[in-house]
């Protein structure tokens, strides 16, 4: 006898997937940042072809915007944005497609990792350097990749059909 998953169980499972995925991505980024802080200290650089591992610190947000603002303001704004993303993701997990859920998980995991990193010492640790783009980190990759998944999910979404009862049709 097979049991059909109830809607409540389905939502709980999807939210657990969101929470677990977010925690795993954030932890992965924070572990790599800790490694980079030790392995790349004192100006050490590791070349990987077009990509280098080079330690940097960003007191601002994306592309160092707000770098001259007080740490508390940047941390508070980052925390509010991360909380808003978490609330939105928690709500959307009920009905999101798999692709949308993956995108939300990636964005939230990256945002949470950067928030925790910033909360520790007021800066975000960056270590991926291309030479032609600002230095970034794995959390930034998660945020960007998650954003791309969300765009793709929205492009693939089917528009809702109009409710015939509201249009006056029988």
Protein backbone atom coordinates (compact mmCIF):
# COMPACT_ATOMS: atom_id res chain seq x y z
CA UNK A 1 0.00 0.00 0.00
CA UNK A 2 1.44 3.35 -1.02
CA UNK A 3 0.60 6.48 0.86
CA UNK A 4 0.02 9.70 -1.02
CA UNK A 5 1.90 12.66 0.39
CA UNK A 6 -0.45 15.18 1.96
CA UNK A 7 -0.17 18.85 0.97
CA UNK A 8 1.05 19.66 4.49
CA UNK A 9 3.78 17.00 4.24
CA UNK A 10 4.76 18.25 0.79
CA UNK A 11 5.17 21.84 2.02
CA UNK A 12 7.12 20.65 5.07
CA UNK A 13 9.44 18.58 2.85
CA UNK A 14 10.02 21.49 0.45
CA UNK A 15 10.75 23.88 3.32
CA UNK A 16 13.12 21.34 4.87
CA UNK A 17 14.88 21.07 1.50
CA UNK A 18 15.16 24.88 1.35
CA UNK A 19 16.51 25.09 4.91
CA UNK A 20 18.96 22.21 4.58
CA UNK A 21 20.22 23.37 1.19
CA UNK A 22 20.68 26.91 2.48
CA UNK A 23 22.64 25.66 5.50
CA UNK A 24 24.85 23.38 3.39
CA UNK A 25 25.67 26.13 0.87
CA UNK A 26 26.36 28.72 3.57
CA UNK A 27 28.55 26.29 5.53
CA UNK A 28 30.48 25.33 2.39
CA UNK A 29 31.20 28.97 1.61
CA UNK A 30 32.23 29.78 5.18
CA UNK A 31 34.59 26.76 5.29
CA UNK A 32 36.22 27.83 2.01
CA UNK A 33 36.51 31.42 3.29
CA UNK A 34 38.24 30.16 6.46
CA UNK A 35 40.63 28.09 4.34
CA UNK A 36 41.34 31.06 2.06
CA UNK A 37 42.02 33.31 5.06
CA UNK A 38 44.78 30.92 6.17
CA UNK A 39 46.14 29.57 2.87
CA UNK A 40 46.24 32.91 1.08
CA UNK A 41 47.45 35.09 3.94
CA UNK A 42 50.62 37.14 3.56
CA UNK A 43 49.92 37.77 -0.12
CA UNK A 44 50.04 34.17 -1.31
CA UNK A 45 48.35 33.61 -4.67
CA UNK A 46 47.42 30.32 -6.30
CA UNK A 47 47.10 30.41 -10.07
CA UNK A 48 44.48 28.25 -11.74
CA UNK A 49 44.77 29.44 -15.32
CA UNK A 50 42.42 32.36 -15.93
CA UNK A 51 41.31 32.25 -12.29
CA UNK A 52 43.53 33.03 -9.33
CA UNK A 53 42.99 32.49 -5.64
CA UNK A 54 43.95 35.80 -4.06
CA UNK A 55 42.77 37.04 -0.67
CA UNK A 56 40.78 40.25 -0.46
CA UNK A 57 38.30 41.85 1.91
CA UNK A 58 35.22 43.86 0.97
CA UNK A 59 33.74 46.21 3.59
CA UNK A 60 30.91 47.16 1.20
CA UNK A 61 28.35 45.14 -0.66
CA UNK A 62 28.40 44.11 -4.33
CA UNK A 63 31.30 45.76 -6.18
CA UNK A 64 32.30 47.51 -2.89
CA UNK A 65 29.24 49.77 -2.95
CA UNK A 66 28.83 51.40 0.45
CA UNK A 67 32.38 50.57 1.50
CA UNK A 68 32.72 53.93 3.26
CA UNK A 69 29.52 53.52 5.27
CA UNK A 70 29.74 52.53 8.94
CA UNK A 71 29.92 48.77 9.50
CA UNK A 72 26.66 48.76 11.47
CA UNK A 73 24.68 50.27 8.63
CA UNK A 74 26.03 47.84 6.04
CA UNK A 75 25.44 44.89 8.38
CA UNK A 76 21.90 46.01 9.23
CA UNK A 77 20.90 46.59 5.60
CA UNK A 78 22.43 43.25 4.61
CA UNK A 79 20.56 41.50 7.45
CA UNK A 80 17.23 43.08 6.48
CA UNK A 81 17.66 42.09 2.83
CA UNK A 82 18.69 38.55 3.79
CA UNK A 83 15.68 38.26 6.13
CA UNK A 84 13.37 39.46 3.35
CA UNK A 85 14.81 36.87 0.98
CA UNK A 86 14.35 34.17 3.65
CA UNK A 87 10.71 35.11 4.25
CA UNK A 88 10.01 35.22 0.52
CA UNK A 89 11.74 31.86 -0.04
CA UNK A 90 9.89 30.26 2.90
CA UNK A 91 6.57 31.46 1.49
CA UNK A 92 7.37 30.51 -2.12
CA UNK A 93 8.61 27.03 -1.15
CA UNK A 94 4.95 25.94 -0.94
CA UNK A 95 4.37 26.20 -4.68
CA UNK A 96 7.76 26.86 -6.32
CA UNK A 97 8.98 24.68 -9.14
CA UNK A 98 12.10 22.63 -8.51
CA UNK A 99 14.18 25.12 -10.49
CA UNK A 100 12.75 28.06 -8.55
CA UNK A 101 13.34 26.29 -5.23
CA UNK A 102 16.96 25.60 -6.23
CA UNK A 103 17.42 29.26 -7.20
CA UNK A 104 15.93 30.51 -3.94
CA UNK A 105 18.11 28.09 -1.97
CA UNK A 106 21.26 29.25 -3.76
CA UNK A 107 20.49 32.97 -3.35
CA UNK A 108 19.60 32.52 0.32
CA UNK A 109 22.63 30.31 1.03
CA UNK A 110 24.99 32.86 -0.52
CA UNK A 111 23.33 35.81 1.19
CA UNK A 112 23.41 34.08 4.58
CA UNK A 113 27.08 33.12 4.20
CA UNK A 114 28.09 36.69 3.32
CA UNK A 115 25.99 38.03 6.21
CA UNK A 116 27.67 35.70 8.72
CA UNK A 117 31.11 36.51 7.33
CA UNK A 118 30.41 40.26 7.53
CA UNK A 119 29.04 39.90 11.06
CA UNK A 120 32.29 38.38 12.33
CA UNK A 121 34.71 41.18 11.45
CA UNK A 122 32.84 43.75 9.35
CA UNK A 123 34.07 42.59 5.95
CA UNK A 124 33.34 39.83 3.46
CA UNK A 125 36.25 37.58 2.54
CA UNK A 126 36.84 37.37 -1.22
CA UNK A 127 39.33 35.05 -2.89
CA UNK A 128 38.35 34.35 -6.52
CA UNK A 129 40.22 36.74 -8.81
CA UNK A 130 40.11 36.92 -12.60
CA UNK A 131 42.10 40.09 -13.23
CA UNK A 132 39.27 41.67 -15.23
CA UNK A 133 36.43 41.42 -12.69
CA UNK A 134 36.28 42.41 -9.01
CA UNK A 135 37.46 39.68 -6.63
CA UNK A 136 34.54 37.58 -5.37
CA UNK A 137 33.74 34.43 -3.40
CA UNK A 138 31.71 31.23 -3.59
CA UNK A 139 28.69 32.88 -1.92
CA UNK A 140 28.66 35.43 -4.75
CA UNK A 141 28.65 32.54 -7.23
CA UNK A 142 25.68 31.01 -5.38
CA UNK A 143 23.78 34.32 -5.45
CA UNK A 144 24.47 34.92 -9.14
CA UNK A 145 23.75 31.32 -10.15
CA UNK A 146 20.59 31.29 -8.04
CA UNK A 147 19.47 34.53 -9.65
CA UNK A 148 20.02 33.00 -13.08
CA UNK A 149 17.94 29.95 -12.07
CA UNK A 150 15.14 32.23 -10.87
CA UNK A 151 15.15 34.08 -14.19
CA UNK A 152 15.06 30.79 -16.12
CA UNK A 153 12.28 29.47 -13.89
CA UNK A 154 10.21 32.59 -14.49
CA UNK A 155 10.75 32.32 -18.25
CA UNK A 156 9.60 28.70 -18.20
CA UNK A 157 6.58 29.37 -16.01
CA UNK A 158 3.20 29.05 -17.61
CA UNK A 159 0.97 32.05 -17.07
CA UNK A 160 -2.11 31.38 -14.98
CA UNK A 161 -5.29 30.93 -16.94
CA UNK A 162 -7.91 33.60 -16.33
CA UNK A 163 -10.73 32.71 -13.96
CA UNK A 164 -13.78 32.33 -16.17
CA UNK A 165 -16.16 33.15 -13.32
CA UNK A 166 -14.72 36.66 -12.95
CA UNK A 167 -15.07 37.49 -16.63
CA UNK A 168 -18.80 36.91 -16.55
CA UNK A 169 -18.57 33.77 -18.71
CA UNK A 170 -20.82 30.89 -17.69
